[in-house]
N, C-alpha and C. Protein backbone atom coordinates (compact mmCIF):
# COMPACT_ATOMS: atom_id res chain seq x y z
N MET A 1 -9.27 9.87 21.76
CA MET A 1 -10.16 9.16 20.90
C MET A 1 -9.92 7.68 20.94
N LEU A 2 -8.67 7.32 20.87
CA LEU A 2 -8.30 5.84 20.94
C LEU A 2 -8.70 5.30 22.25
N ARG A 3 -8.52 5.96 23.37
CA ARG A 3 -8.91 5.49 24.70
C ARG A 3 -10.43 5.22 24.72
N ALA A 4 -11.21 6.15 24.14
CA ALA A 4 -12.64 6.01 24.10
C ALA A 4 -12.99 4.83 23.30
N LEU A 5 -12.43 4.62 22.19
CA LEU A 5 -12.73 3.46 21.27
C LEU A 5 -12.43 2.11 21.98
N ALA A 6 -11.21 2.07 22.60
CA ALA A 6 -10.78 0.85 23.32
C ALA A 6 -11.78 0.57 24.47
N ALA A 7 -12.08 1.59 25.19
CA ALA A 7 -13.10 1.46 26.33
C ALA A 7 -14.46 0.96 25.84
N GLY A 8 -14.74 1.27 24.62
CA GLY A 8 -16.08 0.94 24.03
C GLY A 8 -16.01 -0.47 23.37
N GLY A 9 -14.92 -1.18 23.55
CA GLY A 9 -14.85 -2.54 22.95
C GLY A 9 -14.25 -2.66 21.58
N VAL A 10 -13.85 -1.63 20.98
CA VAL A 10 -13.17 -1.67 19.69
C VAL A 10 -11.92 -2.43 19.78
N THR A 11 -11.56 -3.33 18.87
CA THR A 11 -10.35 -4.15 18.96
C THR A 11 -9.37 -3.79 17.86
N MET A 12 -9.80 -3.14 16.82
CA MET A 12 -8.94 -2.87 15.61
C MET A 12 -9.27 -1.49 15.08
N ILE A 13 -8.24 -0.76 14.68
CA ILE A 13 -8.35 0.60 14.07
C ILE A 13 -7.86 0.42 12.66
N ARG A 14 -8.55 0.95 11.73
CA ARG A 14 -8.17 1.03 10.31
C ARG A 14 -7.79 2.37 9.94
N LEU A 15 -6.50 2.51 9.42
CA LEU A 15 -5.98 3.83 9.01
C LEU A 15 -6.21 3.83 7.44
N ASP A 16 -7.31 4.53 6.99
CA ASP A 16 -7.63 4.56 5.55
C ASP A 16 -6.79 5.66 4.92
N ALA A 17 -6.12 5.36 3.78
CA ALA A 17 -5.38 6.27 3.04
C ALA A 17 -4.34 7.04 3.85
N VAL A 18 -3.74 6.37 4.84
CA VAL A 18 -2.83 6.95 5.69
C VAL A 18 -1.52 7.43 5.04
N GLY A 19 -1.34 6.96 3.80
CA GLY A 19 -0.18 7.45 3.01
C GLY A 19 -0.15 8.96 2.86
N TYR A 20 -1.33 9.65 2.97
CA TYR A 20 -1.42 11.03 2.73
C TYR A 20 -1.70 11.78 4.16
N ALA A 21 -1.51 11.14 5.23
CA ALA A 21 -1.84 11.69 6.55
C ALA A 21 -0.95 12.95 6.86
N ILE A 22 0.24 13.01 6.37
CA ILE A 22 1.16 14.16 6.67
C ILE A 22 1.29 14.99 5.45
N LYS A 23 1.15 16.23 5.66
CA LYS A 23 1.28 17.22 4.57
C LYS A 23 2.54 18.03 4.70
N LYS A 24 3.21 18.27 3.55
CA LYS A 24 4.48 19.03 3.64
C LYS A 24 4.56 19.71 2.29
N PRO A 25 4.77 21.00 2.26
CA PRO A 25 4.93 21.77 1.03
C PRO A 25 6.08 21.21 0.17
N GLY A 26 5.84 21.17 -1.21
CA GLY A 26 6.93 20.91 -2.10
C GLY A 26 7.15 19.48 -2.43
N GLY A 27 6.18 18.62 -2.09
CA GLY A 27 6.35 17.22 -2.42
C GLY A 27 5.00 16.59 -2.73
N SER A 28 4.99 15.28 -2.90
CA SER A 28 3.75 14.57 -3.23
C SER A 28 2.91 14.33 -1.99
N CYS A 29 3.55 14.39 -0.81
CA CYS A 29 2.92 14.15 0.54
C CYS A 29 2.45 12.67 0.63
N PHE A 30 3.02 11.83 -0.16
CA PHE A 30 2.65 10.40 -0.10
C PHE A 30 3.82 9.62 0.55
N MET A 31 3.49 8.91 1.63
CA MET A 31 4.43 8.03 2.28
C MET A 31 5.86 8.64 2.46
N MET A 32 5.90 9.75 3.15
CA MET A 32 7.16 10.44 3.38
C MET A 32 7.72 9.82 4.68
N ALA A 33 8.93 10.12 5.03
CA ALA A 33 9.53 9.64 6.30
C ALA A 33 8.62 10.05 7.47
N GLU A 34 8.08 11.19 7.44
CA GLU A 34 7.16 11.71 8.46
C GLU A 34 5.90 10.76 8.63
N THR A 35 5.47 10.25 7.49
CA THR A 35 4.33 9.42 7.43
C THR A 35 4.59 8.11 8.13
N PHE A 36 5.81 7.59 7.93
CA PHE A 36 6.23 6.33 8.63
C PHE A 36 6.32 6.61 10.11
N ALA A 37 6.90 7.76 10.49
CA ALA A 37 6.94 8.10 11.93
C ALA A 37 5.62 8.20 12.57
N PHE A 38 4.61 8.79 11.85
CA PHE A 38 3.23 8.95 12.29
C PHE A 38 2.58 7.53 12.51
N ILE A 39 2.81 6.63 11.47
CA ILE A 39 2.28 5.29 11.61
C ILE A 39 2.82 4.59 12.87
N ALA A 40 4.12 4.70 13.04
CA ALA A 40 4.86 4.13 14.17
C ALA A 40 4.35 4.63 15.50
N ARG A 41 4.13 5.89 15.65
CA ARG A 41 3.67 6.50 16.87
C ARG A 41 2.21 6.09 17.10
N PHE A 42 1.38 6.17 16.09
CA PHE A 42 -0.04 5.75 16.18
C PHE A 42 -0.19 4.34 16.61
N ALA A 43 0.64 3.44 16.01
CA ALA A 43 0.55 1.99 16.24
C ALA A 43 1.03 1.72 17.67
N ALA A 44 2.03 2.43 18.12
CA ALA A 44 2.56 2.19 19.54
C ALA A 44 1.46 2.64 20.47
N ILE A 45 0.80 3.74 20.28
CA ILE A 45 -0.28 4.20 21.19
C ILE A 45 -1.41 3.14 21.12
N ALA A 46 -1.86 2.77 19.98
CA ALA A 46 -2.96 1.93 19.79
C ALA A 46 -2.70 0.56 20.55
N ARG A 47 -1.51 0.05 20.28
CA ARG A 47 -1.12 -1.28 20.84
C ARG A 47 -1.07 -1.16 22.40
N GLY A 48 -0.66 -0.08 22.87
CA GLY A 48 -0.69 0.23 24.32
C GLY A 48 -2.09 0.10 24.92
N LEU A 49 -3.09 0.31 24.10
CA LEU A 49 -4.46 0.32 24.55
C LEU A 49 -5.14 -0.95 24.15
N GLY A 50 -4.31 -1.90 23.64
CA GLY A 50 -4.91 -3.22 23.23
C GLY A 50 -5.58 -3.24 21.88
N LEU A 51 -5.30 -2.23 21.09
CA LEU A 51 -5.96 -2.15 19.72
C LEU A 51 -4.84 -2.63 18.67
N GLU A 52 -5.44 -3.39 17.66
CA GLU A 52 -4.62 -3.70 16.52
C GLU A 52 -4.79 -2.67 15.48
N VAL A 53 -3.78 -2.56 14.60
CA VAL A 53 -3.76 -1.50 13.59
C VAL A 53 -3.76 -2.08 12.16
N LEU A 54 -4.74 -1.71 11.45
CA LEU A 54 -4.88 -2.16 9.99
C LEU A 54 -4.59 -0.96 9.11
N VAL A 55 -3.57 -0.98 8.30
CA VAL A 55 -3.18 0.16 7.38
C VAL A 55 -3.68 -0.13 6.01
N GLU A 56 -4.32 0.81 5.43
CA GLU A 56 -4.77 0.78 4.03
C GLU A 56 -3.97 1.81 3.20
N VAL A 57 -3.09 1.27 2.35
CA VAL A 57 -2.27 2.14 1.43
C VAL A 57 -2.22 1.34 0.16
N HIS A 58 -2.60 2.00 -0.92
CA HIS A 58 -2.37 1.46 -2.25
C HIS A 58 -1.04 1.97 -2.70
N ALA A 59 -0.02 1.10 -2.82
CA ALA A 59 1.36 1.55 -3.18
C ALA A 59 2.17 0.37 -3.75
N TYR A 60 3.27 0.71 -4.25
CA TYR A 60 4.19 -0.32 -4.79
C TYR A 60 4.39 -1.34 -3.72
N PHE A 61 4.38 -2.64 -4.21
CA PHE A 61 4.32 -3.80 -3.30
C PHE A 61 5.44 -3.78 -2.27
N LYS A 62 6.72 -3.34 -2.70
CA LYS A 62 7.80 -3.31 -1.68
C LYS A 62 7.53 -2.27 -0.57
N LEU A 63 6.82 -1.26 -0.88
CA LEU A 63 6.43 -0.29 0.19
C LEU A 63 5.39 -1.01 1.09
N GLN A 64 4.49 -1.81 0.55
CA GLN A 64 3.48 -2.54 1.35
C GLN A 64 4.22 -3.47 2.31
N ILE A 65 5.26 -4.14 1.85
CA ILE A 65 5.98 -5.05 2.76
C ILE A 65 6.67 -4.29 3.81
N GLU A 66 7.20 -3.06 3.57
CA GLU A 66 7.79 -2.29 4.58
C GLU A 66 6.79 -1.76 5.65
N ILE A 67 5.68 -1.37 5.15
CA ILE A 67 4.58 -0.95 6.09
C ILE A 67 4.16 -2.10 6.91
N ALA A 68 4.03 -3.29 6.36
CA ALA A 68 3.54 -4.49 7.13
C ALA A 68 4.48 -4.76 8.31
N SER A 69 5.78 -4.48 8.20
CA SER A 69 6.69 -4.72 9.33
C SER A 69 6.44 -3.74 10.46
N ARG A 70 5.64 -2.71 10.24
CA ARG A 70 5.47 -1.75 11.33
C ARG A 70 4.12 -1.74 12.03
N VAL A 71 3.14 -2.49 11.46
CA VAL A 71 1.86 -2.54 11.96
C VAL A 71 1.36 -3.95 12.11
N ASP A 72 0.16 -4.08 12.69
CA ASP A 72 -0.42 -5.46 12.89
C ASP A 72 -0.92 -6.09 11.54
N TRP A 73 -1.58 -5.28 10.66
CA TRP A 73 -2.29 -5.80 9.53
C TRP A 73 -2.15 -4.79 8.36
N VAL A 74 -2.00 -5.30 7.12
CA VAL A 74 -2.09 -4.51 5.91
C VAL A 74 -3.00 -5.31 5.00
N TYR A 75 -3.49 -4.66 3.94
CA TYR A 75 -4.29 -5.39 2.95
C TYR A 75 -3.39 -5.87 1.85
N ASP A 76 -3.78 -7.03 1.31
CA ASP A 76 -2.97 -7.61 0.17
C ASP A 76 -3.56 -7.21 -1.13
N PHE A 77 -3.25 -5.94 -1.48
CA PHE A 77 -3.79 -5.39 -2.76
C PHE A 77 -3.13 -5.89 -3.99
N ALA A 78 -2.03 -6.56 -3.86
CA ALA A 78 -1.32 -7.17 -5.07
C ALA A 78 -2.01 -8.36 -5.47
N LEU A 79 -2.75 -9.08 -4.60
CA LEU A 79 -3.37 -10.33 -5.04
C LEU A 79 -4.37 -10.27 -6.15
N PRO A 80 -5.35 -9.35 -6.11
CA PRO A 80 -6.34 -9.30 -7.24
C PRO A 80 -5.76 -9.22 -8.64
N PRO A 81 -4.95 -8.22 -8.90
CA PRO A 81 -4.38 -8.16 -10.26
C PRO A 81 -3.52 -9.35 -10.63
N LEU A 82 -2.80 -9.96 -9.70
CA LEU A 82 -1.99 -11.11 -9.99
C LEU A 82 -2.86 -12.35 -10.27
N LEU A 83 -3.94 -12.44 -9.55
CA LEU A 83 -4.89 -13.56 -9.71
C LEU A 83 -5.50 -13.47 -11.09
N LEU A 84 -5.94 -12.18 -11.48
CA LEU A 84 -6.47 -12.02 -12.84
C LEU A 84 -5.45 -12.34 -13.89
N HIS A 85 -4.21 -11.88 -13.66
CA HIS A 85 -3.11 -12.17 -14.64
C HIS A 85 -3.00 -13.66 -14.83
N ALA A 86 -2.95 -14.38 -13.72
CA ALA A 86 -2.81 -15.88 -13.77
C ALA A 86 -3.99 -16.54 -14.55
N LEU A 87 -5.17 -16.03 -14.33
CA LEU A 87 -6.30 -16.62 -15.10
C LEU A 87 -6.27 -16.19 -16.51
N PHE A 88 -6.01 -14.96 -16.85
CA PHE A 88 -5.98 -14.56 -18.15
C PHE A 88 -4.90 -15.03 -19.05
N PHE A 89 -3.70 -15.15 -18.48
CA PHE A 89 -2.49 -15.52 -19.30
C PHE A 89 -2.12 -16.94 -19.05
N GLY A 90 -2.79 -17.67 -18.18
CA GLY A 90 -2.59 -19.10 -18.00
C GLY A 90 -1.24 -19.37 -17.36
N THR A 91 -0.77 -18.49 -16.57
CA THR A 91 0.58 -18.75 -15.84
C THR A 91 0.44 -18.16 -14.42
N SER A 92 0.93 -19.02 -13.47
CA SER A 92 0.77 -18.53 -12.08
C SER A 92 2.12 -18.10 -11.48
N ALA A 93 3.13 -18.02 -12.38
CA ALA A 93 4.46 -17.65 -11.93
C ALA A 93 4.53 -16.36 -11.08
N PRO A 94 3.97 -15.26 -11.60
CA PRO A 94 4.00 -13.95 -10.82
C PRO A 94 3.24 -14.12 -9.47
N LEU A 95 2.07 -14.80 -9.55
CA LEU A 95 1.26 -15.02 -8.37
C LEU A 95 2.06 -15.89 -7.36
N ARG A 96 2.65 -16.89 -7.76
CA ARG A 96 3.44 -17.73 -6.81
C ARG A 96 4.63 -16.97 -6.20
N ASP A 97 5.26 -16.14 -7.03
CA ASP A 97 6.36 -15.28 -6.56
C ASP A 97 5.88 -14.41 -5.47
N TRP A 98 4.70 -13.77 -5.66
CA TRP A 98 4.08 -12.87 -4.68
C TRP A 98 3.68 -13.66 -3.36
N VAL A 99 3.15 -14.77 -3.56
CA VAL A 99 2.76 -15.61 -2.37
C VAL A 99 4.01 -15.93 -1.48
N ARG A 100 5.15 -16.16 -2.14
CA ARG A 100 6.33 -16.46 -1.41
C ARG A 100 6.84 -15.20 -0.59
N GLN A 101 6.58 -14.07 -1.05
CA GLN A 101 7.12 -12.84 -0.30
C GLN A 101 6.17 -11.98 0.38
N ARG A 102 4.78 -12.28 0.21
CA ARG A 102 3.84 -11.38 0.78
C ARG A 102 3.92 -11.40 2.31
N PRO A 103 3.64 -10.28 3.00
CA PRO A 103 3.66 -10.28 4.40
C PRO A 103 2.70 -11.31 4.98
N ALA A 104 3.05 -11.94 6.11
CA ALA A 104 2.23 -12.92 6.80
C ALA A 104 1.03 -12.19 7.34
N ASN A 105 1.11 -10.88 7.65
CA ASN A 105 0.10 -10.19 8.29
C ASN A 105 -0.82 -9.44 7.30
N ALA A 106 -0.83 -9.91 6.09
CA ALA A 106 -1.61 -9.30 5.05
C ALA A 106 -3.04 -9.91 4.98
N ILE A 107 -4.09 -9.06 4.98
CA ILE A 107 -5.43 -9.48 4.81
C ILE A 107 -5.77 -9.61 3.34
N THR A 108 -6.29 -10.75 2.92
CA THR A 108 -6.59 -11.02 1.53
C THR A 108 -7.84 -10.24 1.12
N VAL A 109 -7.83 -9.53 0.09
CA VAL A 109 -9.00 -8.90 -0.55
C VAL A 109 -8.91 -9.14 -2.07
N LEU A 110 -10.10 -9.37 -2.64
CA LEU A 110 -10.19 -9.53 -4.09
C LEU A 110 -10.71 -8.30 -4.84
N ASP A 111 -11.25 -7.41 -4.12
CA ASP A 111 -11.69 -6.09 -4.72
C ASP A 111 -12.00 -5.11 -3.63
N THR A 112 -11.99 -3.82 -3.95
CA THR A 112 -12.26 -2.77 -2.95
C THR A 112 -13.11 -1.69 -3.64
N HIS A 113 -13.55 -0.78 -2.82
CA HIS A 113 -14.24 0.40 -3.38
C HIS A 113 -13.31 1.18 -4.26
N ASP A 114 -11.97 1.00 -4.13
CA ASP A 114 -11.06 1.69 -5.02
C ASP A 114 -10.87 1.05 -6.36
N GLY A 115 -11.43 -0.24 -6.48
CA GLY A 115 -11.24 -1.00 -7.64
C GLY A 115 -10.03 -1.85 -7.47
N ILE A 116 -9.57 -2.48 -8.51
CA ILE A 116 -8.34 -3.35 -8.41
C ILE A 116 -7.18 -2.50 -8.82
N GLY A 117 -6.28 -2.29 -7.90
CA GLY A 117 -5.16 -1.44 -8.05
C GLY A 117 -3.96 -1.96 -8.70
N ILE A 118 -3.68 -1.41 -9.95
CA ILE A 118 -2.55 -1.84 -10.66
C ILE A 118 -1.22 -1.32 -10.05
N ILE A 119 -1.26 -0.16 -9.39
CA ILE A 119 -0.14 0.37 -8.79
C ILE A 119 0.55 -0.56 -7.81
N ASP A 120 -0.30 -1.41 -7.15
CA ASP A 120 0.25 -2.32 -6.14
C ASP A 120 1.19 -3.34 -6.68
N ILE A 121 1.08 -3.61 -7.92
CA ILE A 121 2.04 -4.61 -8.58
C ILE A 121 2.90 -4.01 -9.65
N GLY A 122 2.67 -2.69 -9.95
CA GLY A 122 3.47 -2.09 -10.98
C GLY A 122 4.86 -1.65 -10.65
N ALA A 123 5.58 -0.99 -11.52
CA ALA A 123 6.87 -0.56 -11.24
C ALA A 123 6.93 0.47 -10.16
N ASP A 124 8.13 0.56 -9.54
CA ASP A 124 8.12 1.57 -8.48
C ASP A 124 8.26 2.94 -9.13
N PRO A 125 8.03 4.09 -8.41
CA PRO A 125 7.96 5.35 -9.01
C PRO A 125 9.20 5.72 -9.88
N GLY A 126 10.37 5.26 -9.49
CA GLY A 126 11.51 5.57 -10.26
C GLY A 126 11.48 4.82 -11.62
N ASP A 127 11.01 3.64 -11.65
CA ASP A 127 10.83 2.89 -12.86
C ASP A 127 9.81 3.50 -13.80
N ARG A 128 8.73 4.05 -13.12
CA ARG A 128 7.68 4.70 -13.97
C ARG A 128 8.25 5.94 -14.65
N ALA A 129 9.08 6.68 -13.98
CA ALA A 129 9.73 7.86 -14.56
C ALA A 129 10.61 7.47 -15.72
N ALA A 130 11.30 6.35 -15.62
CA ALA A 130 12.13 5.89 -16.75
C ALA A 130 11.30 5.48 -17.94
N VAL A 131 10.11 4.83 -17.66
CA VAL A 131 9.25 4.47 -18.80
C VAL A 131 8.70 5.66 -19.48
N ARG A 132 8.33 6.65 -18.71
CA ARG A 132 7.81 7.92 -19.30
C ARG A 132 8.86 8.49 -20.27
N ALA A 133 10.12 8.48 -19.78
CA ALA A 133 11.22 9.00 -20.69
C ALA A 133 11.34 8.16 -21.94
N TRP A 134 11.22 6.94 -21.84
CA TRP A 134 11.34 6.01 -23.10
C TRP A 134 10.24 6.18 -24.01
N CYS A 135 9.03 6.54 -23.47
CA CYS A 135 7.83 6.63 -24.29
C CYS A 135 7.67 8.04 -24.90
N ARG A 136 8.52 9.02 -24.51
CA ARG A 136 8.35 10.38 -25.02
C ARG A 136 8.78 10.39 -26.47
N ARG A 137 7.99 11.02 -27.30
CA ARG A 137 8.25 11.27 -28.74
C ARG A 137 9.23 12.39 -28.82
N PRO A 138 10.04 12.36 -29.85
CA PRO A 138 11.06 13.48 -30.06
C PRO A 138 10.26 14.82 -30.14
N ASN A 139 10.82 15.86 -29.53
CA ASN A 139 10.30 17.23 -29.55
C ASN A 139 8.96 17.33 -28.80
N SER A 140 8.72 16.41 -27.79
CA SER A 140 7.52 16.46 -27.06
C SER A 140 7.81 16.34 -25.65
N THR A 141 7.20 17.05 -24.70
CA THR A 141 7.38 16.96 -23.32
C THR A 141 6.38 16.05 -22.68
N ALA A 142 5.35 15.70 -23.38
CA ALA A 142 4.29 14.74 -22.86
C ALA A 142 4.63 13.31 -23.15
N TRP A 143 4.69 12.54 -22.16
CA TRP A 143 5.08 11.10 -22.39
C TRP A 143 3.98 10.28 -23.07
N TRP A 144 2.79 10.76 -22.96
CA TRP A 144 1.65 9.88 -23.56
C TRP A 144 1.33 10.20 -25.01
N LYS A 145 2.01 11.19 -25.56
CA LYS A 145 1.62 11.62 -26.99
C LYS A 145 2.49 10.89 -27.94
């Protein structure tokens, strides 16, 4: 398929929701080690055919930085919520911090069909689990009650 696309003049391939490309019983199936291996293999084959690879994954920003080191392009999904935060709260400190560390190969977007993703700037999954534990009422297993 990639050979046919390259022969037809396509220059970039977008992997949409690639974080779920690999399925494995017993887990979330999101950005597992096997997923990173798939992205690396796919990118190597695509580059060999002269194709650039753009990866679309809504994930914790440190994961985006890691993905960016493996492909040609990623989306900058952290930018929209940080821009809104700067406008709403009148401080650009978090936005400036992101601009200093964002991958150079990130494509700027201000909105997507998925909406503005808070997960892209939120706490990592381990931190979210800790917050759920802190928010749990006594004698309740549900963190939101």
